[in-house]
Amino acid sequence: MKKLYFILYNQINTSFFPAQKDDIFLYIHHSWKINFNNSELQLNIRSKILDYACGYNFVKELENKNYTAYFEISKNWYQGFEKTLKNNSDIWEIIFNTADEDFVQKNLEKLAKKLQKNFWVKISWNNHKNFFLTHQEFRKKYEKPPVMENFYRFMRKKENILINGDKPEWDKWNFDSENRKFDKNHKKSWEFSFDEQNDIWLQEAKKYYNFSQTLWYPTCRKQAINLLNYFVKNHLDNFWKLEDAMYQKDDFVHHSLLSQAINFWLLSPQEVVKTISRQDTQMNNKEWFIRQVLGWREYMFHFFHFYKDDIYSQNYFNFTKKLPDYFWWKNLEQIKENCLKQSISRVLQNNYGHHIERLMIIGNFSLLKNFDPQELNRWYFEQYVDAFEWVVTPNVISMSQYADSWKLATKPYISSGNYINKMSDFCKNCEYNVKEKYNTDSCSYNYLYWNFVDEQKETFAKTRQSFVLKNLEKIDLEKIKFQIKKSEKNTW
């Protein structure tokens, strides 16, 4: 009698499966509707291609190790299981790894009950291993999510990363205040690409979805390791100082593009953190990158699972305005703000955008325009290749849109055009003037910002941002309101 191990898209690593040689592996490419909280999730094509190619590459890797492994394409998981179980009548146990995403786990539990009822098989569960801590370990230590900085310091000590005794190397825990640099002489430097033509299963996936564009992302562990090595060699030395910078002619700047590989488990967060910690580069480069993985990524996972039961009902400001259709390629020419057009276009073209574009361009604009935070969250979820429920939802609902009643962010993350101008070259080619608030060609972020502050004065008072309210006294609100009315009349 044999065991069947079910492989999820984010479990592409043999360490998940303590299998015997006569056991069976099954990967099902879910090609049709995905049930997400009683609605249908419309994932982008790149995400579907990655699911297909990563799964197929992993199945072939298992076969090369003399395991029996199946790759099935099916409209749903049950149909894929049905075919495999009928062809292997000696399977007596199905082993699932718990899913990192809550909605996926709920779907798996429904699937397991149906399989057990219809095929009389034993169902077993293993805990996931895609994080430094299980959520159970997190809950044992914390009654509720602590301040992220305190959690990060705890994790540094626990994992002995950049630590001397109980103190951080260089006697400094972080370099947050020093990384906001913008190099006016920066030239496009990202030259890495995969040999897609010789990636057989990637070509199969692209043919299946009739997709001809460049993918950009690894589909097997070997590619992921090559990407990590390329980043370390070519970009880590500039990562810290230019991580927040944005350029019109450079989609990636010095970012690693490793989030998808880590979330798919092509690379483990542990090996990435250890690799970076060993590099001969300035401490600020190592610390800032490690903070993203050991601190922020880890924290977001546990934060989401702590608040998952009510986070989808959160809407602190009660904003209900629908997203404009240019968020889906339609009427993209309507966008007059160059920074917003560039950022949304990159997402639609690459299914990627770095964190400042996500937070301070798209997220900032959406909050200032009073868009529905739950609809925006779904858009992020569907459009980005590294978008997993546990990382997207708290980042959008709690961080970007300040919709969860202060559970994560201590203040709304908004800015006028001044920040965007400081951290990018977008404003040089914009129809609007970033230095104007009241005129016909005023930057939208400027008058939207002051209108938001005016309408949400109570929130700014509660979050002890008296300096913002003090500056509001200097603003001609009548002119600001006039700009708002004029912009709403001319758009959407």
Protein backbone atom coordinates (compact mmCIF):
# COMPACT_ATOMS: atom_id res chain seq x y z
CA MET A 1 0.00 0.00 0.00
CA LYS A 2 1.28 3.45 -0.96
CA LYS A 3 1.12 7.01 0.27
CA LEU A 4 0.28 9.94 -1.99
CA TYR A 5 1.92 13.31 -1.29
CA PHE A 6 0.06 16.31 -2.68
CA ILE A 7 2.33 19.17 -3.78
CA LEU A 8 1.11 22.77 -3.63
CA TYR A 9 2.52 25.58 -5.78
CA ASN A 10 4.45 27.00 -2.80
CA GLN A 11 5.91 23.68 -1.68
CA ILE A 12 8.36 23.14 -4.54
CA ASN A 13 11.01 21.55 -2.34
CA THR A 14 11.72 17.93 -1.44
CA SER A 15 12.30 18.89 2.22
CA PHE A 16 8.51 19.07 2.59
CA PHE A 17 8.11 15.38 1.88
CA PRO A 18 9.70 12.58 4.00
CA ALA A 19 8.72 10.04 1.35
CA GLN A 20 9.75 6.45 0.70
CA LYS A 21 10.77 5.39 -2.79
CA ASP A 22 7.49 3.59 -3.47
CA ASP A 23 5.37 6.59 -2.47
CA ILE A 24 3.71 8.80 -5.06
CA PHE A 25 3.75 12.56 -5.63
CA LEU A 26 0.98 14.53 -7.29
CA TYR A 27 1.04 18.09 -8.61
CA ILE A 28 -2.20 19.48 -10.05
CA HIS A 29 -2.16 22.59 -12.19
CA HIS A 30 -5.45 24.25 -11.31
CA SER A 31 -6.41 25.80 -14.65
CA TRP A 32 -9.94 27.02 -14.04
CA LYS A 33 -11.85 28.92 -11.33
CA ILE A 34 -10.18 29.42 -7.96
CA ASN A 35 -12.54 29.81 -5.02
CA PHE A 36 -11.48 32.81 -2.94
CA ASN A 37 -13.78 33.64 -0.03
CA ASN A 38 -16.90 32.62 -1.97
CA SER A 39 -15.90 34.46 -5.13
CA GLU A 40 -13.74 33.74 -8.15
CA LEU A 41 -10.07 34.73 -8.20
CA GLN A 42 -8.75 35.85 -11.59
CA LEU A 43 -4.99 35.31 -11.37
CA ASN A 44 -2.71 36.91 -13.95
CA ILE A 45 -1.31 34.74 -16.75
CA ARG A 46 2.29 34.89 -15.48
CA SER A 47 1.21 33.44 -12.14
CA LYS A 48 -0.59 30.60 -13.94
CA ILE A 49 2.45 29.94 -16.13
CA LEU A 50 4.69 29.85 -13.06
CA ASP A 51 2.32 27.42 -11.38
CA TYR A 52 2.43 25.18 -14.47
CA ALA A 53 6.19 25.40 -15.15
CA CYS A 54 7.34 25.19 -11.53
CA GLY A 55 5.11 22.20 -10.90
CA TYR A 56 6.23 20.38 -14.03
CA ASN A 57 9.91 21.07 -13.37
CA PHE A 58 9.52 19.75 -9.82
CA VAL A 59 7.77 16.59 -10.99
CA LYS A 60 10.62 15.94 -13.42
CA GLU A 61 13.14 16.55 -10.62
CA LEU A 62 11.37 13.94 -8.49
CA GLU A 63 11.31 11.48 -11.40
CA ASN A 64 15.06 11.95 -11.84
CA LYS A 65 15.41 10.87 -8.20
CA ASN A 66 13.45 7.69 -9.06
CA TYR A 67 10.19 8.76 -7.41
CA THR A 68 6.81 8.21 -9.04
CA ALA A 69 5.37 11.65 -9.67
CA TYR A 70 2.40 12.90 -11.67
CA PHE A 71 1.64 16.28 -13.20
CA GLU A 72 -2.03 16.81 -13.96
CA ILE A 73 -3.86 19.72 -15.57
CA SER A 74 -7.37 19.94 -14.24
CA LYS A 75 -10.25 22.37 -13.81
CA ASN A 76 -10.11 21.66 -10.08
CA TRP A 77 -8.05 19.66 -7.62
CA TYR A 78 -10.69 16.98 -7.11
CA GLN A 79 -10.72 15.95 -10.78
CA GLY A 80 -6.93 15.67 -10.75
CA PHE A 81 -7.05 13.47 -7.66
CA GLU A 82 -9.86 11.37 -9.11
CA LYS A 83 -7.80 10.44 -12.17
CA THR A 84 -4.70 9.60 -10.13
CA LEU A 85 -6.51 7.54 -7.51
CA LYS A 86 -8.38 5.51 -10.12
CA ASN A 87 -5.08 4.69 -11.82
CA ASN A 88 -3.40 3.79 -8.50
CA SER A 89 -5.80 1.64 -6.50
CA ASP A 90 -3.11 0.73 -3.94
CA ILE A 91 -2.95 4.27 -2.48
CA TRP A 92 -4.25 4.15 1.10
CA GLU A 93 -3.14 7.49 2.50
CA ILE A 94 -3.06 11.06 1.16
CA ILE A 95 -0.71 13.50 2.87
CA PHE A 96 -1.30 17.24 2.64
CA ASN A 97 1.02 19.98 3.80
CA THR A 98 -0.92 22.78 5.44
CA ALA A 99 -1.23 25.78 3.14
CA ASP A 100 0.27 29.15 3.98
CA GLU A 101 -2.81 30.89 2.58
CA ASP A 102 -5.97 30.66 4.65
CA PHE A 103 -8.39 30.47 1.71
CA VAL A 104 -6.30 27.67 0.16
CA GLN A 105 -6.28 25.75 3.44
CA LYS A 106 -10.07 25.96 3.63
CA ASN A 107 -10.33 24.65 0.05
CA LEU A 108 -7.92 21.82 0.87
CA GLU A 109 -9.96 20.79 3.91
CA LYS A 110 -13.12 20.58 1.79
CA LEU A 111 -11.19 18.57 -0.79
CA ALA A 112 -9.82 16.19 1.86
CA LYS A 113 -13.30 15.45 3.22
CA LYS A 114 -14.62 14.71 -0.25
CA LEU A 115 -11.69 12.41 -1.09
CA GLN A 116 -12.02 10.57 2.21
CA LYS A 117 -15.73 10.04 1.67
CA ASN A 118 -15.52 8.92 -1.97
CA PHE A 119 -12.27 6.90 -1.95
CA TRP A 120 -12.01 5.65 1.65
CA VAL A 121 -8.45 6.90 2.03
CA LYS A 122 -6.70 8.07 5.17
CA ILE A 123 -5.97 11.82 5.29
CA SER A 124 -2.89 13.16 7.09
CA TRP A 125 -1.53 16.68 7.53
CA ASN A 126 2.00 18.00 7.87
CA ASN A 127 2.81 21.54 9.03
CA HIS A 128 4.30 23.91 6.48
CA LYS A 129 7.98 24.88 6.78
CA ASN A 130 8.14 28.03 4.68
CA PHE A 131 8.85 30.35 7.62
CA PHE A 132 11.27 30.58 10.50
CA LEU A 133 8.43 30.15 13.02
CA THR A 134 5.20 28.21 12.80
CA HIS A 135 2.20 30.33 13.67
CA GLN A 136 1.69 28.15 16.75
CA GLU A 137 5.20 29.07 17.95
CA PHE A 138 4.44 32.73 17.31
CA ARG A 139 1.22 32.54 19.36
CA LYS A 140 3.05 30.88 22.26
CA LYS A 141 5.40 33.84 22.49
CA TYR A 142 3.01 36.69 21.70
CA GLU A 143 -0.55 37.30 22.85
CA LYS A 144 -0.90 39.60 19.85
CA PRO A 145 1.51 40.84 17.16
CA PRO A 146 4.13 43.09 18.79
CA VAL A 147 5.72 46.18 17.28
CA MET A 148 7.50 44.94 14.15
CA GLU A 149 10.88 46.36 15.21
CA ASN A 150 10.77 44.39 18.47
CA PHE A 151 9.83 41.22 16.60
CA TYR A 152 12.68 41.76 14.13
CA ARG A 153 15.22 42.11 16.93
CA PHE A 154 13.89 38.95 18.57
CA MET A 155 14.28 37.06 15.30
CA ARG A 156 17.81 38.37 14.76
CA LYS A 157 18.79 37.02 18.19
CA LYS A 158 16.90 33.76 17.76
CA GLU A 159 18.51 32.98 14.41
CA ASN A 160 21.89 34.49 15.41
CA ILE A 161 21.97 36.72 12.34
CA LEU A 162 24.31 39.76 12.39
CA ILE A 163 24.59 39.38 16.17
CA ASN A 164 27.53 39.60 18.58
CA GLY A 165 26.35 38.15 21.86
CA ASP A 166 23.11 40.01 22.57
CA LYS A 167 24.06 43.07 20.56
CA PRO A 168 23.76 43.75 16.83
CA GLU A 169 26.89 43.95 14.73
CA TRP A 170 28.02 47.56 14.37
CA ASP A 171 25.96 48.27 17.53
CA LYS A 172 23.04 49.27 15.35
CA TRP A 173 19.81 47.37 14.75
CA ASN A 174 18.77 49.13 11.57
CA PHE A 175 19.69 51.77 9.02
CA ASP A 176 16.14 52.86 8.15
CA SER A 177 16.73 56.59 8.34
CA GLU A 178 19.65 56.53 5.92
CA ASN A 179 18.40 54.61 2.88
CA ARG A 180 16.34 57.24 1.06
CA LYS A 181 18.85 58.03 -1.69
CA PHE A 182 18.26 58.97 -5.31
CA ASP A 183 21.14 58.78 -7.78
CA LYS A 184 20.48 61.19 -10.66
CA ASN A 185 23.23 59.49 -12.68
CA HIS A 186 21.83 55.97 -12.27
CA LYS A 187 21.74 53.90 -15.44
CA LYS A 188 19.71 50.77 -16.05
CA SER A 189 21.75 47.93 -14.60
CA TRP A 190 19.55 44.82 -14.63
CA GLU A 191 20.98 42.46 -17.25
CA PHE A 192 19.95 39.07 -15.90
CA SER A 193 17.71 36.78 -17.92
CA PHE A 194 16.87 33.08 -17.98
CA ASP A 195 17.44 30.77 -20.92
CA GLU A 196 13.73 30.42 -21.58
CA GLN A 197 14.15 28.64 -24.92
CA ASN A 198 15.77 25.65 -23.23
CA ASP A 199 13.27 25.52 -20.38
CA ILE A 200 11.05 22.84 -21.92
CA TRP A 201 8.29 23.00 -19.35
CA LEU A 202 8.18 26.76 -19.38
CA GLN A 203 7.71 26.62 -23.13
CA GLU A 204 4.91 24.09 -22.63
CA ALA A 205 3.25 26.43 -20.13
CA LYS A 206 3.57 29.46 -22.39
CA LYS A 207 2.12 27.49 -25.29
CA TYR A 208 -0.77 26.28 -23.11
CA TYR A 209 -1.66 29.89 -22.25
CA ASN A 210 -0.69 31.33 -25.66
CA PHE A 211 1.79 33.69 -24.00
CA SER A 212 4.88 35.02 -25.77
CA GLN A 213 6.30 37.68 -23.44
CA THR A 214 9.34 37.35 -21.17
CA LEU A 215 8.57 35.74 -17.81
CA TRP A 216 11.43 37.21 -15.68
CA TYR A 217 10.98 34.72 -12.83
CA PRO A 218 12.62 31.35 -12.01
CA THR A 219 10.72 28.10 -12.58
CA CYS A 220 13.10 25.68 -10.85
CA ARG A 221 15.56 25.66 -7.98
CA LYS A 222 18.65 25.90 -10.21
CA GLN A 223 17.33 29.10 -11.81
CA ALA A 224 16.44 30.53 -8.40
CA ILE A 225 19.97 29.92 -7.11
CA ASN A 226 21.40 31.58 -10.23
CA LEU A 227 19.14 34.59 -9.63
CA LEU A 228 20.25 34.85 -5.99
CA ASN A 229 23.90 34.67 -7.02
CA TYR A 230 23.39 37.32 -9.71
CA PHE A 231 21.75 39.67 -7.23
CA VAL A 232 24.54 39.22 -4.70
CA LYS A 233 27.24 39.84 -7.29
CA ASN A 234 25.66 42.74 -9.19
CA HIS A 235 23.12 44.52 -6.98
CA LEU A 236 23.61 43.91 -3.27
CA ASP A 237 26.27 46.63 -2.97
CA ASN A 238 23.74 49.24 -4.12
CA PHE A 239 20.63 47.69 -2.59
CA TRP A 240 20.42 49.73 0.60
CA LYS A 241 20.93 53.25 -0.70
CA LEU A 242 18.74 52.91 -3.82
CA GLU A 243 16.08 50.48 -2.63
CA ASP A 244 13.42 53.20 -2.52
CA ALA A 245 14.49 54.97 -5.74
CA MET A 246 12.28 54.84 -8.86
CA TYR A 247 13.34 55.39 -12.48
CA GLN A 248 11.35 55.64 -15.69
CA LYS A 249 13.79 53.51 -17.65
CA ASP A 250 14.59 50.93 -14.99
CA ASP A 251 11.79 48.66 -13.82
CA PHE A 252 13.84 46.77 -11.24
CA VAL A 253 16.71 49.11 -10.15
CA HIS A 254 18.67 47.04 -7.56
CA HIS A 255 15.83 44.87 -6.30
CA SER A 256 16.40 41.12 -6.18
CA LEU A 257 13.18 39.73 -7.77
CA LEU A 258 13.56 36.86 -5.27
CA SER A 259 10.19 37.19 -3.51
CA GLN A 260 8.43 34.87 -5.95
CA ALA A 261 11.20 32.24 -5.64
CA ILE A 262 11.07 32.37 -1.84
CA ASN A 263 7.27 32.25 -1.72
CA PHE A 264 7.25 29.24 -4.06
CA TRP A 265 9.95 27.62 -1.84
CA LEU A 266 12.40 27.35 -4.72
CA LEU A 267 14.62 29.08 -2.15
CA SER A 268 14.07 28.88 1.58
CA PRO A 269 14.05 32.12 3.57
CA GLN A 270 16.65 30.57 5.87
CA GLU A 271 19.19 29.97 3.11
CA VAL A 272 18.61 33.41 1.57
CA VAL A 273 19.16 35.18 4.91
CA LYS A 274 22.30 33.16 5.63
CA THR A 275 23.67 33.78 2.14
CA ILE A 276 23.22 37.53 2.44
CA SER A 277 24.64 37.64 5.98
CA ARG A 278 27.91 36.07 4.77
CA GLN A 279 28.57 38.58 1.98
CA ASP A 280 31.47 41.02 1.94
CA THR A 281 29.44 44.19 1.57
CA GLN A 282 28.53 47.14 3.78
CA MET A 283 26.50 46.23 6.84
CA ASN A 284 23.62 48.47 5.74
CA ASN A 285 23.15 46.40 2.56
CA LYS A 286 23.01 43.14 4.50
CA GLU A 287 20.86 44.45 7.33
CA TRP A 288 18.30 46.13 5.09
CA PHE A 289 17.82 43.07 2.90
CA ILE A 290 17.65 40.67 5.85
CA ARG A 291 15.10 42.95 7.53
CA GLN A 292 12.76 42.36 4.56
CA VAL A 293 12.90 38.56 4.90
CA LEU A 294 13.60 37.81 8.56
CA GLY A 295 11.59 40.78 9.79
CA TRP A 296 8.87 42.03 7.47
CA ARG A 297 8.04 38.85 5.54
CA GLU A 298 7.94 36.75 8.69
CA TYR A 299 5.93 39.36 10.57
CA MET A 300 3.33 39.75 7.81
CA PHE A 301 2.64 36.02 7.79
CA HIS A 302 1.94 35.89 11.50
CA PHE A 303 0.08 39.22 11.52
CA PHE A 304 -2.27 37.99 8.81
CA HIS A 305 -3.02 34.69 10.52
CA PHE A 306 -3.65 36.49 13.80
CA TYR A 307 -6.27 38.79 12.24
CA LYS A 308 -7.47 36.66 9.30
CA ASP A 309 -11.00 36.19 10.64
CA ASP A 310 -11.98 39.86 10.32
CA ILE A 311 -9.41 41.52 8.07
CA TYR A 312 -11.66 41.21 5.00
CA SER A 313 -14.37 43.25 6.69
CA GLN A 314 -12.05 46.13 7.58
CA ASN A 315 -12.68 49.58 6.06
CA TYR A 316 -11.74 52.21 8.63
CA PHE A 317 -12.53 55.22 6.43
CA ASN A 318 -15.62 53.57 4.87
CA PHE A 319 -14.30 54.24 1.36
CA THR A 320 -16.35 52.59 -1.39
CA LYS A 321 -15.25 54.23 -4.65
CA LYS A 322 -14.57 51.66 -7.39
CA LEU A 323 -11.18 51.37 -9.08
CA PRO A 324 -11.02 53.05 -12.51
CA ASP A 325 -10.89 50.65 -15.45
CA TYR A 326 -7.33 51.69 -16.31
CA PHE A 327 -6.24 49.35 -13.51
CA TRP A 328 -6.96 46.62 -16.08
CA TRP A 329 -5.36 48.12 -19.24
CA LYS A 330 -8.57 49.86 -20.33
CA ASN A 331 -8.27 53.57 -21.14
CA LEU A 332 -4.75 53.76 -19.77
CA GLU A 333 -4.38 57.07 -21.58
CA GLN A 334 -6.74 58.57 -18.98
CA ILE A 335 -3.90 58.59 -16.48
CA LYS A 336 -2.23 61.98 -16.62
CA GLU A 337 0.03 61.45 -13.61
CA ASN A 338 3.24 60.05 -15.10
CA CYS A 339 4.29 58.24 -11.90
CA LEU A 340 0.93 56.45 -11.70
CA LYS A 341 0.88 55.57 -15.40
CA GLN A 342 4.42 54.18 -15.22
CA SER A 343 3.72 52.15 -12.07
CA ILE A 344 0.42 50.62 -13.19
CA SER A 345 1.83 49.91 -16.67
CA ARG A 346 4.75 48.02 -15.12
CA VAL A 347 2.42 45.89 -13.06
CA LEU A 348 0.32 45.05 -16.10
CA GLN A 349 3.41 44.38 -18.23
CA ASN A 350 5.63 42.52 -15.72
CA ASN A 351 3.19 41.59 -12.95
CA TYR A 352 5.73 43.19 -10.65
CA GLY A 353 6.50 46.57 -9.12
CA HIS A 354 8.81 47.34 -6.25
CA HIS A 355 7.58 48.24 -2.79
CA ILE A 356 7.65 52.06 -3.10
CA GLU A 357 5.66 51.96 -6.33
CA ARG A 358 3.18 49.68 -4.61
CA LEU A 359 2.94 51.74 -1.42
CA MET A 360 3.68 55.38 -2.29
CA ILE A 361 2.47 55.60 -5.90
CA ILE A 362 -0.46 53.20 -6.40
CA GLY A 363 -1.42 52.69 -2.76
CA ASN A 364 -0.98 56.37 -1.90
CA PHE A 365 -3.10 57.50 -4.86
CA SER A 366 -5.81 54.94 -4.05
CA LEU A 367 -6.09 56.11 -0.46
CA LEU A 368 -6.13 59.78 -1.44
CA LYS A 369 -8.86 59.03 -4.01
CA ASN A 370 -10.94 57.08 -1.46
CA PHE A 371 -10.95 53.80 -3.41
CA ASP A 372 -12.46 50.72 -1.79
CA PRO A 373 -9.54 49.05 0.09
CA GLN A 374 -10.97 45.56 -0.33
CA GLU A 375 -11.27 45.95 -4.10
CA LEU A 376 -7.74 47.34 -4.23
CA ASN A 377 -6.49 44.39 -2.19
CA ARG A 378 -8.04 42.00 -4.68
CA TRP A 379 -6.39 43.88 -7.57
CA TYR A 380 -2.95 43.52 -5.96
CA PHE A 381 -3.67 39.87 -5.26
CA GLU A 382 -4.61 39.15 -8.86
CA GLN A 383 -1.93 41.22 -10.61
CA TYR A 384 1.40 40.43 -8.87
CA VAL A 385 3.32 37.17 -9.26
CA ASP A 386 4.59 37.31 -5.67
CA ALA A 387 1.11 38.01 -4.29
CA PHE A 388 0.18 35.50 -1.61
CA GLU A 389 -2.79 36.09 0.67
CA TRP A 390 -0.75 36.39 3.87
CA VAL A 391 1.55 39.08 2.45
CA VAL A 392 -0.74 41.05 0.14
CA THR A 393 -3.73 41.45 2.43
CA PRO A 394 -2.00 42.95 5.49
CA ASN A 395 0.26 45.08 3.30
CA VAL A 396 -2.71 46.54 1.40
CA ILE A 397 -5.53 46.56 3.96
CA SER A 398 -3.47 47.34 7.05
CA MET A 399 -0.37 49.15 5.79
CA SER A 400 -1.17 50.88 2.52
CA GLN A 401 -4.86 51.73 3.02
CA TYR A 402 -4.89 52.07 6.81
CA ALA A 403 -8.20 50.21 6.84
CA ASP A 404 -7.77 47.93 9.86
CA SER A 405 -8.25 50.48 12.65
CA TRP A 406 -4.54 50.92 13.48
CA LYS A 407 -3.61 47.30 14.11
CA LEU A 408 -0.46 47.57 11.98
CA ALA A 409 0.33 51.08 10.79
CA THR A 410 0.55 53.96 13.27
CA LYS A 411 -0.48 56.53 10.67
CA PRO A 412 -1.80 56.71 7.09
CA TYR A 413 0.98 56.20 4.55
CA ILE A 414 0.27 59.15 2.30
CA SER A 415 2.37 61.89 0.75
CA SER A 416 2.17 64.81 -1.61
CA GLY A 417 4.08 64.91 -4.88
CA ASN A 418 7.19 66.17 -3.09
CA TYR A 419 8.17 62.68 -1.90
CA ILE A 420 7.66 61.20 -5.36
CA ASN A 421 9.76 63.95 -6.92
CA LYS A 422 12.51 63.37 -4.36
CA MET A 423 12.65 59.61 -4.92
CA SER A 424 12.09 59.37 -8.69
CA ASP A 425 12.53 60.98 -12.10
CA PHE A 426 8.83 60.56 -12.93
CA CYS A 427 7.93 64.21 -12.41
CA LYS A 428 10.22 65.41 -15.22
CA ASN A 429 7.90 63.97 -17.86
CA CYS A 430 4.57 64.64 -16.22
CA GLU A 431 1.80 66.92 -17.52
CA TYR A 432 1.40 68.26 -14.02
CA ASN A 433 3.69 70.53 -12.02
CA VAL A 434 4.87 68.86 -8.82
CA LYS A 435 5.53 72.26 -7.21
CA GLU A 436 1.97 73.50 -7.66
CA LYS A 437 -1.09 72.87 -5.48
CA TYR A 438 -3.69 75.28 -6.81
CA ASN A 439 -3.11 75.95 -10.51
CA THR A 440 -4.52 74.22 -13.58
CA ASP A 441 -1.40 72.08 -13.96
CA SER A 442 -1.08 71.25 -10.24
CA CYS A 443 0.19 67.81 -9.26
CA SER A 444 -2.79 65.64 -8.33
CA TYR A 445 -0.96 64.19 -5.33
CA ASN A 446 -0.58 67.70 -3.89
CA TYR A 447 -4.21 68.80 -3.77
CA LEU A 448 -5.45 65.26 -3.07
CA TYR A 449 -3.10 65.07 -0.10
CA TRP A 450 -4.32 68.28 1.52
CA ASN A 451 -7.93 67.43 0.79
CA PHE A 452 -7.45 64.07 2.52
CA VAL A 453 -5.80 65.68 5.54
CA ASP A 454 -8.65 68.17 5.79
CA GLU A 455 -11.35 65.50 5.56
CA GLN A 456 -9.57 63.20 8.04
CA LYS A 457 -8.41 65.78 10.60
CA GLU A 458 -9.75 63.63 13.44
CA THR A 459 -7.54 60.71 12.43
CA PHE A 460 -4.44 62.89 12.17
CA ALA A 461 -5.18 64.31 15.62
CA LYS A 462 -5.56 60.82 17.09
CA THR A 463 -2.28 59.70 15.53
CA ARG A 464 -0.50 62.68 17.05
CA GLN A 465 0.47 64.29 13.76
CA SER A 466 -0.01 67.84 14.95
CA PHE A 467 2.67 69.08 12.55
CA VAL A 468 0.52 67.99 9.60
CA LEU A 469 -2.52 69.79 11.00
CA LYS A 470 -0.37 72.84 11.68
CA ASN A 471 0.71 72.89 8.03
CA LEU A 472 -2.91 72.47 6.98
CA GLU A 473 -3.61 75.91 8.48
CA LYS A 474 -1.36 77.42 5.79
CA ILE A 475 -3.31 75.81 2.93
CA ASP A 476 -5.99 77.63 0.94
CA LEU A 477 -8.67 74.93 1.24
CA GLU A 478 -11.10 76.77 -1.02
CA LYS A 479 -8.62 76.46 -3.89
CA ILE A 480 -7.94 72.83 -2.97
CA LYS A 481 -11.66 72.01 -3.08
CA PHE A 482 -11.93 73.77 -6.44
CA GLN A 483 -9.11 71.58 -7.82
CA ILE A 484 -10.85 68.46 -6.51
CA LYS A 485 -14.15 69.37 -8.19
CA LYS A 486 -12.42 70.22 -11.45
CA SER A 487 -10.45 66.95 -11.51
CA GLU A 488 -13.55 64.88 -10.79
CA LYS A 489 -15.42 66.62 -13.60
CA ASN A 490 -12.66 65.92 -16.11
CA THR A 491 -11.92 62.28 -15.24
CA TRP A 492 -13.70 58.98 -14.79
